[in-house]
Amino acid sequence: MSLFLSARVGIWVGPEGDFTPDELEAALAAGIVPVSLGDLTLRAETAALYFITALRYEWGQTSG
């Protein structure tokens, strides 16, 4: 079975200025594994599209 089909992935797109400390604490307590894009800052309108594209690339799902 493909990793792409068996993995469960979610995305949180933060507000301008980042998440509050309480929001981050709640996310970590819920088992969220944070991933950073480093210095790259995306608009909320494009962040989800970027994320899906990056996952498909990493998991070898670049066609079809």
Protein backbone atom coordinates (compact mmCIF):
# COMPACT_ATOMS: atom_id res chain seq x y z
CA MET A 1 0.00 0.00 0.00
CA SER A 2 1.23 3.47 -0.83
CA LEU A 3 2.37 5.72 2.01
CA PHE A 4 0.25 8.42 0.39
CA LEU A 5 -2.88 6.32 0.91
CA SER A 6 -2.07 5.03 4.39
CA ALA A 7 -0.73 8.13 6.16
CA ARG A 8 -2.90 10.59 8.03
CA VAL A 9 -1.77 14.18 7.64
CA GLY A 10 -3.36 17.45 8.65
CA ILE A 11 -2.39 21.06 8.22
CA TRP A 12 -2.90 24.05 10.47
CA VAL A 13 -2.51 27.37 8.75
CA GLY A 14 -1.69 30.01 11.32
CA PRO A 15 -2.85 33.56 11.46
CA GLU A 16 -0.64 36.52 10.66
CA GLY A 17 1.66 36.88 13.65
CA ASP A 18 1.67 33.12 14.39
CA PHE A 19 -0.27 30.98 16.84
CA THR A 20 -0.60 32.07 20.45
CA PRO A 21 1.37 30.17 23.09
CA ASP A 22 -1.90 28.61 24.34
CA GLU A 23 -2.79 27.42 20.82
CA LEU A 24 0.65 25.87 20.38
CA GLU A 25 0.46 24.20 23.78
CA ALA A 26 -2.97 22.71 22.96
CA ALA A 27 -1.75 21.45 19.58
CA LEU A 28 1.30 19.77 21.10
CA ALA A 29 -0.82 18.24 23.86
CA ALA A 30 -3.09 16.79 21.15
CA GLY A 31 -0.10 15.06 19.55
CA ILE A 32 0.53 17.47 16.69
CA VAL A 33 4.03 17.17 15.21
CA PRO A 34 5.10 20.67 14.13
CA VAL A 35 6.83 21.18 10.80
CA SER A 36 8.38 24.46 9.76
CA LEU A 37 8.92 26.00 6.36
CA GLY A 38 11.82 27.97 7.82
CA ASP A 39 11.84 31.59 6.72
CA LEU A 40 9.22 30.95 4.03
CA THR A 41 5.97 32.78 4.80
CA LEU A 42 2.88 31.99 2.76
CA ARG A 43 -0.50 33.67 2.53
CA ALA A 44 -3.39 31.66 3.97
CA GLU A 45 -4.86 31.43 0.46
CA THR A 46 -1.81 29.57 -0.89
CA ALA A 47 -0.53 27.64 2.15
CA ALA A 48 -2.82 24.61 1.73
CA LEU A 49 -2.07 24.33 -1.99
CA TYR A 50 1.67 24.54 -1.28
CA PHE A 51 1.37 21.87 1.42
CA ILE A 52 -0.53 19.43 -0.82
CA THR A 53 1.98 19.95 -3.63
CA ALA A 54 4.93 19.35 -1.28
CA LEU A 55 3.37 16.15 0.10
CA ARG A 56 2.65 14.79 -3.36
CA TYR A 57 6.23 15.54 -4.42
CA GLU A 58 7.76 13.91 -1.33
CA TRP A 59 5.57 10.82 -1.65
CA GLY A 60 6.22 10.44 -5.38
CA GLN A 61 2.67 11.33 -6.40
CA THR A 62 3.61 13.84 -9.07
CA SER A 63 1.55 12.48 -11.95
CA GLY A 64 -2.10 11.63 -12.45
